[in-house]
């Protein structure tokens, strides 16, 4: 079974993931754009039981358009968002794909909030589900 490591920029907050993610998705919502400072966010979702978290985190909770809440965990030292918990999926943890710092990481298969996608952004051919 493959083991992957994700961390914040300074390495204080770390996650070890066992196996492959159950879902990799890109999100074009305005909140993800603001949170990442980019034009979309990319997350890998893992079952909680396959995750080990080390280090301290600060938290920020946000209620989305659909009424669900996400609690984002970021490093109190370097402020990198590393993972978050979604109220609609309590048995899983979403991890920022960039926190893996692995260009060979699995590509997304879902693209959500495409109605907010910047017109010049191209969605990869690997995406099989497009959700507005």
N, C-alpha and C. Protein backbone atom coordinates (compact mmCIF):
# COMPACT_ATOMS: atom_id res chain seq x y z
N UNK A 1 0.85 -1.18 0.00
CA UNK A 1 0.00 0.00 0.00
C UNK A 1 0.89 1.24 0.00
N UNK A 2 0.52 2.20 -0.82
CA UNK A 2 1.28 3.43 -0.95
C UNK A 2 1.06 4.32 0.28
N UNK A 3 2.13 5.01 0.70
CA UNK A 3 2.06 5.97 1.80
C UNK A 3 2.49 7.32 1.26
N UNK A 4 1.69 8.34 1.55
CA UNK A 4 2.01 9.69 1.09
C UNK A 4 2.11 10.62 2.28
N UNK A 5 2.96 11.64 2.14
CA UNK A 5 3.15 12.65 3.17
C UNK A 5 2.70 14.01 2.62
N UNK A 6 1.97 14.75 3.43
CA UNK A 6 1.59 16.13 3.11
C UNK A 6 2.02 16.99 4.28
N UNK A 7 2.33 18.26 4.00
CA UNK A 7 2.72 19.14 5.10
C UNK A 7 2.49 20.60 4.72
N UNK A 8 2.58 21.44 5.72
CA UNK A 8 2.54 22.88 5.50
C UNK A 8 3.90 23.32 4.94
N UNK A 9 4.03 24.59 4.66
CA UNK A 9 5.30 25.11 4.09
C UNK A 9 6.48 24.92 5.02
N UNK A 10 6.28 25.12 6.32
CA UNK A 10 7.41 25.03 7.25
C UNK A 10 7.62 23.62 7.80
N UNK A 11 6.69 22.69 7.53
CA UNK A 11 6.84 21.30 7.96
C UNK A 11 6.35 21.00 9.36
N UNK A 12 5.83 21.98 10.08
CA UNK A 12 5.37 21.79 11.45
C UNK A 12 4.10 20.94 11.49
N UNK A 13 3.17 21.11 10.55
CA UNK A 13 1.91 20.36 10.47
C UNK A 13 2.03 19.35 9.34
N UNK A 14 1.95 18.06 9.72
CA UNK A 14 2.18 16.98 8.75
C UNK A 14 1.06 15.96 8.78
N UNK A 15 0.82 15.34 7.64
CA UNK A 15 -0.18 14.28 7.52
C UNK A 15 0.44 13.11 6.77
N UNK A 16 0.19 11.92 7.26
CA UNK A 16 0.57 10.70 6.56
C UNK A 16 -0.72 10.03 6.10
N UNK A 17 -0.78 9.67 4.83
CA UNK A 17 -1.97 9.05 4.23
C UNK A 17 -1.61 7.67 3.73
N UNK A 18 -2.43 6.71 4.08
CA UNK A 18 -2.23 5.33 3.62
C UNK A 18 -3.16 5.06 2.44
N UNK A 19 -2.61 4.54 1.36
CA UNK A 19 -3.41 4.18 0.20
C UNK A 19 -3.70 5.36 -0.70
N UNK A 20 -4.54 5.10 -1.68
CA UNK A 20 -4.92 6.13 -2.63
C UNK A 20 -6.12 6.92 -2.12
N UNK A 21 -6.27 8.15 -2.55
CA UNK A 21 -7.45 8.92 -2.14
C UNK A 21 -8.71 8.31 -2.74
N UNK A 22 -9.84 8.51 -2.06
CA UNK A 22 -11.11 8.02 -2.59
C UNK A 22 -11.68 8.98 -3.62
N UNK A 23 -11.19 10.22 -3.61
CA UNK A 23 -11.66 11.21 -4.58
C UNK A 23 -10.65 12.35 -4.65
N UNK A 24 -10.37 12.81 -5.85
CA UNK A 24 -9.57 14.02 -6.05
C UNK A 24 -10.44 14.96 -6.87
N UNK A 25 -10.62 16.18 -6.36
CA UNK A 25 -11.50 17.11 -7.05
C UNK A 25 -10.92 18.51 -7.07
N UNK A 26 -11.36 19.27 -8.05
CA UNK A 26 -11.00 20.68 -8.14
C UNK A 26 -12.27 21.48 -7.90
N UNK A 27 -12.13 22.57 -7.15
CA UNK A 27 -13.28 23.40 -6.80
C UNK A 27 -13.02 24.83 -7.27
N UNK A 28 -13.99 25.36 -7.98
CA UNK A 28 -13.88 26.71 -8.54
C UNK A 28 -14.69 27.73 -7.74
N UNK A 29 -15.22 27.36 -6.58
CA UNK A 29 -16.04 28.31 -5.80
C UNK A 29 -15.20 29.51 -5.38
N UNK A 30 -15.88 30.60 -5.14
CA UNK A 30 -15.17 31.83 -4.78
C UNK A 30 -14.42 31.68 -3.46
N UNK A 31 -14.98 30.91 -2.52
CA UNK A 31 -14.30 30.70 -1.23
C UNK A 31 -12.98 29.97 -1.41
N UNK A 32 -12.93 28.96 -2.29
CA UNK A 32 -11.67 28.26 -2.54
C UNK A 32 -10.68 29.18 -3.25
N UNK A 33 -11.19 30.03 -4.12
CA UNK A 33 -10.30 30.98 -4.78
C UNK A 33 -9.67 31.91 -3.75
N UNK A 34 -10.47 32.40 -2.82
CA UNK A 34 -9.93 33.30 -1.79
C UNK A 34 -9.00 32.55 -0.83
N UNK A 35 -9.38 31.33 -0.45
CA UNK A 35 -8.59 30.55 0.51
C UNK A 35 -7.22 30.22 -0.04
N UNK A 36 -7.15 29.86 -1.33
CA UNK A 36 -5.89 29.44 -1.91
C UNK A 36 -5.08 30.58 -2.51
N UNK A 37 -5.75 31.68 -2.84
CA UNK A 37 -5.08 32.75 -3.55
C UNK A 37 -4.86 32.40 -5.01
N UNK A 38 -5.52 31.35 -5.46
CA UNK A 38 -5.42 30.89 -6.84
C UNK A 38 -6.83 30.93 -7.45
N UNK A 39 -7.01 30.39 -8.64
CA UNK A 39 -8.31 30.44 -9.29
C UNK A 39 -9.15 29.19 -9.04
N UNK A 40 -8.60 28.20 -8.35
CA UNK A 40 -9.35 27.03 -7.91
C UNK A 40 -8.54 26.32 -6.83
N UNK A 41 -9.20 25.45 -6.10
CA UNK A 41 -8.53 24.61 -5.11
C UNK A 41 -8.61 23.16 -5.57
N UNK A 42 -7.65 22.35 -5.15
CA UNK A 42 -7.66 20.92 -5.48
C UNK A 42 -7.50 20.16 -4.18
N UNK A 43 -8.38 19.18 -3.96
CA UNK A 43 -8.36 18.41 -2.73
C UNK A 43 -8.35 16.91 -3.02
N UNK A 44 -7.72 16.18 -2.11
CA UNK A 44 -7.76 14.71 -2.12
C UNK A 44 -8.48 14.28 -0.86
N UNK A 45 -9.50 13.47 -1.02
CA UNK A 45 -10.28 13.03 0.13
C UNK A 45 -9.87 11.61 0.52
N UNK A 46 -9.59 11.43 1.82
CA UNK A 46 -9.19 10.15 2.39
C UNK A 46 -10.11 9.78 3.55
N UNK A 47 -10.33 8.48 3.76
CA UNK A 47 -11.05 8.06 4.97
C UNK A 47 -10.23 8.42 6.21
N UNK A 48 -10.89 8.87 7.25
CA UNK A 48 -10.19 9.28 8.49
C UNK A 48 -9.27 8.21 9.04
N UNK A 49 -9.69 6.97 8.95
CA UNK A 49 -8.90 5.89 9.56
C UNK A 49 -7.58 5.63 8.82
N UNK A 50 -7.40 6.23 7.65
CA UNK A 50 -6.14 6.06 6.91
C UNK A 50 -5.24 7.28 7.00
N UNK A 51 -5.53 8.16 7.97
CA UNK A 51 -4.81 9.42 8.12
C UNK A 51 -4.16 9.50 9.50
N UNK A 52 -2.91 9.99 9.56
CA UNK A 52 -2.25 10.32 10.82
C UNK A 52 -1.83 11.79 10.72
N UNK A 53 -2.21 12.58 11.73
CA UNK A 53 -1.90 14.01 11.74
C UNK A 53 -0.92 14.29 12.87
N UNK A 54 0.14 15.05 12.56
CA UNK A 54 1.13 15.45 13.56
C UNK A 54 1.32 16.95 13.49
N UNK A 55 1.48 17.57 14.64
CA UNK A 55 1.71 19.01 14.69
C UNK A 55 0.46 19.77 15.13
N UNK A 56 0.65 21.05 15.30
CA UNK A 56 -0.44 21.92 15.75
C UNK A 56 -1.12 22.57 14.56
N UNK A 57 -2.43 22.86 14.74
CA UNK A 57 -3.14 23.59 13.70
C UNK A 57 -4.06 24.62 14.33
N UNK A 58 -4.30 25.67 13.60
CA UNK A 58 -5.35 26.63 13.92
C UNK A 58 -6.51 26.29 13.00
N UNK A 59 -7.70 26.78 13.35
CA UNK A 59 -8.88 26.40 12.59
C UNK A 59 -9.68 27.62 12.15
N UNK A 60 -10.36 27.44 11.03
CA UNK A 60 -11.30 28.44 10.54
C UNK A 60 -12.50 27.68 9.98
N UNK A 61 -13.70 27.97 10.47
CA UNK A 61 -14.92 27.31 10.00
C UNK A 61 -15.66 28.23 9.04
N UNK A 62 -16.16 27.65 7.96
CA UNK A 62 -16.91 28.41 6.98
C UNK A 62 -18.12 27.61 6.55
N UNK A 63 -19.28 28.26 6.53
CA UNK A 63 -20.50 27.64 6.03
C UNK A 63 -20.64 28.00 4.56
N UNK A 64 -20.81 26.97 3.73
CA UNK A 64 -20.88 27.16 2.28
C UNK A 64 -22.28 27.51 1.79
N UNK A 65 -22.39 27.70 0.49
CA UNK A 65 -23.65 28.06 -0.15
C UNK A 65 -24.75 27.04 0.14
N UNK A 66 -24.40 25.78 0.23
CA UNK A 66 -25.38 24.71 0.47
C UNK A 66 -25.73 24.50 1.93
N UNK A 67 -25.13 25.28 2.84
CA UNK A 67 -25.43 25.17 4.26
C UNK A 67 -24.54 24.22 5.04
N UNK A 68 -23.61 23.55 4.37
CA UNK A 68 -22.69 22.67 5.10
C UNK A 68 -21.49 23.48 5.57
N UNK A 69 -20.83 22.95 6.59
CA UNK A 69 -19.69 23.65 7.18
C UNK A 69 -18.40 22.89 6.92
N UNK A 70 -17.36 23.64 6.59
CA UNK A 70 -16.02 23.09 6.45
C UNK A 70 -15.15 23.74 7.52
N UNK A 71 -14.37 22.94 8.21
CA UNK A 71 -13.43 23.44 9.22
C UNK A 71 -12.03 23.24 8.66
N UNK A 72 -11.39 24.35 8.30
CA UNK A 72 -10.06 24.33 7.69
C UNK A 72 -9.00 24.36 8.78
N UNK A 73 -7.99 23.51 8.62
CA UNK A 73 -6.88 23.45 9.56
C UNK A 73 -5.63 23.96 8.85
N UNK A 74 -5.02 24.97 9.45
CA UNK A 74 -3.83 25.57 8.86
C UNK A 74 -2.76 25.70 9.92
N UNK A 75 -1.53 25.79 9.47
CA UNK A 75 -0.39 25.88 10.37
C UNK A 75 -0.38 27.25 11.05
N UNK A 76 -0.25 27.30 12.38
CA UNK A 76 -0.19 28.59 13.08
C UNK A 76 1.13 29.32 12.87
N UNK A 77 2.13 28.64 12.30
CA UNK A 77 3.44 29.26 12.05
C UNK A 77 3.50 29.88 10.66
N UNK A 78 3.21 29.08 9.62
CA UNK A 78 3.37 29.57 8.24
C UNK A 78 2.04 29.85 7.54
N UNK A 79 0.93 29.50 8.17
CA UNK A 79 -0.44 29.77 7.69
C UNK A 79 -0.86 28.95 6.48
N UNK A 80 -0.14 27.90 6.12
CA UNK A 80 -0.56 27.03 5.01
C UNK A 80 -1.76 26.20 5.42
N UNK A 81 -2.80 26.22 4.58
CA UNK A 81 -3.94 25.32 4.80
C UNK A 81 -3.51 23.94 4.36
N UNK A 82 -3.66 22.96 5.26
CA UNK A 82 -3.22 21.61 4.94
C UNK A 82 -4.41 20.67 4.76
N UNK A 83 -5.41 20.76 5.63
CA UNK A 83 -6.55 19.85 5.52
C UNK A 83 -7.81 20.50 6.07
N UNK A 84 -8.95 19.86 5.75
CA UNK A 84 -10.22 20.35 6.28
C UNK A 84 -11.21 19.20 6.42
N UNK A 85 -12.17 19.46 7.28
CA UNK A 85 -13.24 18.50 7.58
C UNK A 85 -14.54 19.10 7.06
N UNK A 86 -15.30 18.30 6.33
CA UNK A 86 -16.58 18.75 5.79
C UNK A 86 -17.73 18.11 6.55
N UNK A 87 -18.72 18.90 6.96
CA UNK A 87 -19.84 18.34 7.71
C UNK A 87 -20.64 17.35 6.88
N UNK A 88 -20.63 17.47 5.55
CA UNK A 88 -21.38 16.54 4.70
C UNK A 88 -20.65 15.20 4.52
N UNK A 89 -19.40 15.11 4.93
CA UNK A 89 -18.62 13.87 4.80
C UNK A 89 -17.81 13.65 6.08
N UNK A 90 -18.49 13.35 7.19
CA UNK A 90 -17.80 13.29 8.49
C UNK A 90 -16.77 12.17 8.65
N UNK A 91 -16.80 11.19 7.77
CA UNK A 91 -15.85 10.08 7.89
C UNK A 91 -14.60 10.26 7.03
N UNK A 92 -14.47 11.45 6.43
CA UNK A 92 -13.31 11.67 5.57
C UNK A 92 -12.63 12.99 5.90
N UNK A 93 -11.39 13.11 5.41
CA UNK A 93 -10.60 14.33 5.57
C UNK A 93 -10.15 14.75 4.18
N UNK A 94 -10.33 16.03 3.88
CA UNK A 94 -9.86 16.58 2.61
C UNK A 94 -8.49 17.20 2.84
N UNK A 95 -7.57 16.90 1.96
CA UNK A 95 -6.20 17.41 2.07
C UNK A 95 -5.87 18.19 0.80
N UNK A 96 -5.28 19.36 0.98
CA UNK A 96 -4.88 20.17 -0.16
C UNK A 96 -3.83 19.41 -0.96
N UNK A 97 -4.09 19.18 -2.24
CA UNK A 97 -3.17 18.40 -3.06
C UNK A 97 -1.79 19.06 -3.11
N UNK A 98 -1.74 20.39 -3.11
CA UNK A 98 -0.45 21.08 -3.11
C UNK A 98 0.39 20.78 -1.89
N UNK A 99 -0.25 20.40 -0.77
CA UNK A 99 0.49 20.07 0.46
C UNK A 99 1.32 18.80 0.29
N UNK A 100 1.01 17.99 -0.70
CA UNK A 100 1.81 16.79 -0.97
C UNK A 100 3.10 17.13 -1.70
N UNK A 101 3.13 18.28 -2.37
CA UNK A 101 4.31 18.70 -3.14
C UNK A 101 4.81 17.57 -4.03
N UNK A 102 3.87 16.96 -4.76
CA UNK A 102 4.17 15.81 -5.61
C UNK A 102 3.52 16.00 -6.97
N UNK A 103 4.30 16.41 -7.99
CA UNK A 103 3.74 16.62 -9.32
C UNK A 103 3.13 15.36 -9.94
N UNK A 104 3.44 14.18 -9.41
CA UNK A 104 2.90 12.93 -9.93
C UNK A 104 1.62 12.51 -9.20
N UNK A 105 1.10 13.36 -8.31
CA UNK A 105 -0.11 13.02 -7.56
C UNK A 105 -1.27 12.78 -8.52
N UNK A 106 -2.20 11.93 -8.14
CA UNK A 106 -3.36 11.59 -8.97
C UNK A 106 -4.10 12.85 -9.41
N UNK A 107 -4.49 12.93 -10.68
CA UNK A 107 -5.22 14.10 -11.17
C UNK A 107 -6.68 14.07 -10.69
N UNK A 108 -7.35 15.21 -10.75
CA UNK A 108 -8.75 15.25 -10.31
C UNK A 108 -9.66 14.49 -11.26
N UNK A 109 -10.72 13.94 -10.69
CA UNK A 109 -11.77 13.28 -11.48
C UNK A 109 -13.10 14.01 -11.34
N UNK A 110 -13.17 15.01 -10.47
CA UNK A 110 -14.37 15.83 -10.28
C UNK A 110 -13.99 17.29 -10.39
N UNK A 111 -14.91 18.07 -10.92
CA UNK A 111 -14.76 19.52 -10.97
C UNK A 111 -16.07 20.13 -10.52
N UNK A 112 -16.03 20.91 -9.45
CA UNK A 112 -17.26 21.46 -8.88
C UNK A 112 -17.26 22.98 -8.92
N UNK A 113 -18.45 23.55 -8.82
CA UNK A 113 -18.69 25.00 -8.92
C UNK A 113 -18.13 25.56 -10.22
N UNK A 114 -18.33 24.81 -11.29
CA UNK A 114 -17.81 25.26 -12.59
C UNK A 114 -18.45 26.57 -13.06
N UNK A 115 -19.60 26.89 -12.52
CA UNK A 115 -20.23 28.16 -12.87
C UNK A 115 -19.35 29.35 -12.48
N UNK A 116 -18.43 29.13 -11.52
CA UNK A 116 -17.52 30.18 -11.07
C UNK A 116 -16.10 30.02 -11.63
N UNK A 117 -15.94 29.07 -12.54
CA UNK A 117 -14.63 28.80 -13.13
C UNK A 117 -14.22 29.98 -14.01
N UNK A 118 -12.96 30.40 -13.88
CA UNK A 118 -12.43 31.43 -14.77
C UNK A 118 -12.44 30.90 -16.20
N UNK A 119 -12.85 31.71 -17.12
CA UNK A 119 -13.04 31.28 -18.51
C UNK A 119 -11.77 30.69 -19.14
N UNK A 120 -10.62 31.14 -18.72
CA UNK A 120 -9.36 30.67 -19.32
C UNK A 120 -8.83 29.39 -18.69
N UNK A 121 -9.46 28.89 -17.60
CA UNK A 121 -9.01 27.66 -16.94
C UNK A 121 -9.51 26.46 -17.72
N UNK A 122 -8.62 25.54 -18.03
CA UNK A 122 -8.97 24.30 -18.73
C UNK A 122 -9.03 23.17 -17.71
N UNK A 123 -10.12 22.43 -17.75
CA UNK A 123 -10.32 21.29 -16.86
C UNK A 123 -9.66 20.07 -17.50
N UNK A 124 -8.88 19.30 -16.73
CA UNK A 124 -8.19 18.13 -17.30
C UNK A 124 -9.15 17.10 -17.89
N UNK A 125 -8.67 16.36 -18.87
CA UNK A 125 -9.47 15.30 -19.49
C UNK A 125 -9.83 14.19 -18.49
N UNK A 126 -9.08 14.10 -17.38
CA UNK A 126 -9.35 13.07 -16.38
C UNK A 126 -10.65 13.32 -15.62
N UNK A 127 -11.19 14.53 -15.69
CA UNK A 127 -12.41 14.88 -14.97
C UNK A 127 -13.61 14.19 -15.65
N UNK A 128 -14.33 13.38 -14.87
CA UNK A 128 -15.49 12.67 -15.39
C UNK A 128 -16.80 13.26 -14.89
N UNK A 129 -16.74 14.08 -13.87
CA UNK A 129 -17.94 14.66 -13.27
C UNK A 129 -17.78 16.16 -13.22
N UNK A 130 -18.70 16.86 -13.85
CA UNK A 130 -18.70 18.32 -13.85
C UNK A 130 -19.96 18.79 -13.14
N UNK A 131 -19.79 19.55 -12.06
CA UNK A 131 -20.94 20.00 -11.28
C UNK A 131 -20.94 21.52 -11.15
N UNK A 132 -22.07 22.10 -11.42
CA UNK A 132 -22.20 23.56 -11.23
C UNK A 132 -22.53 23.80 -9.81
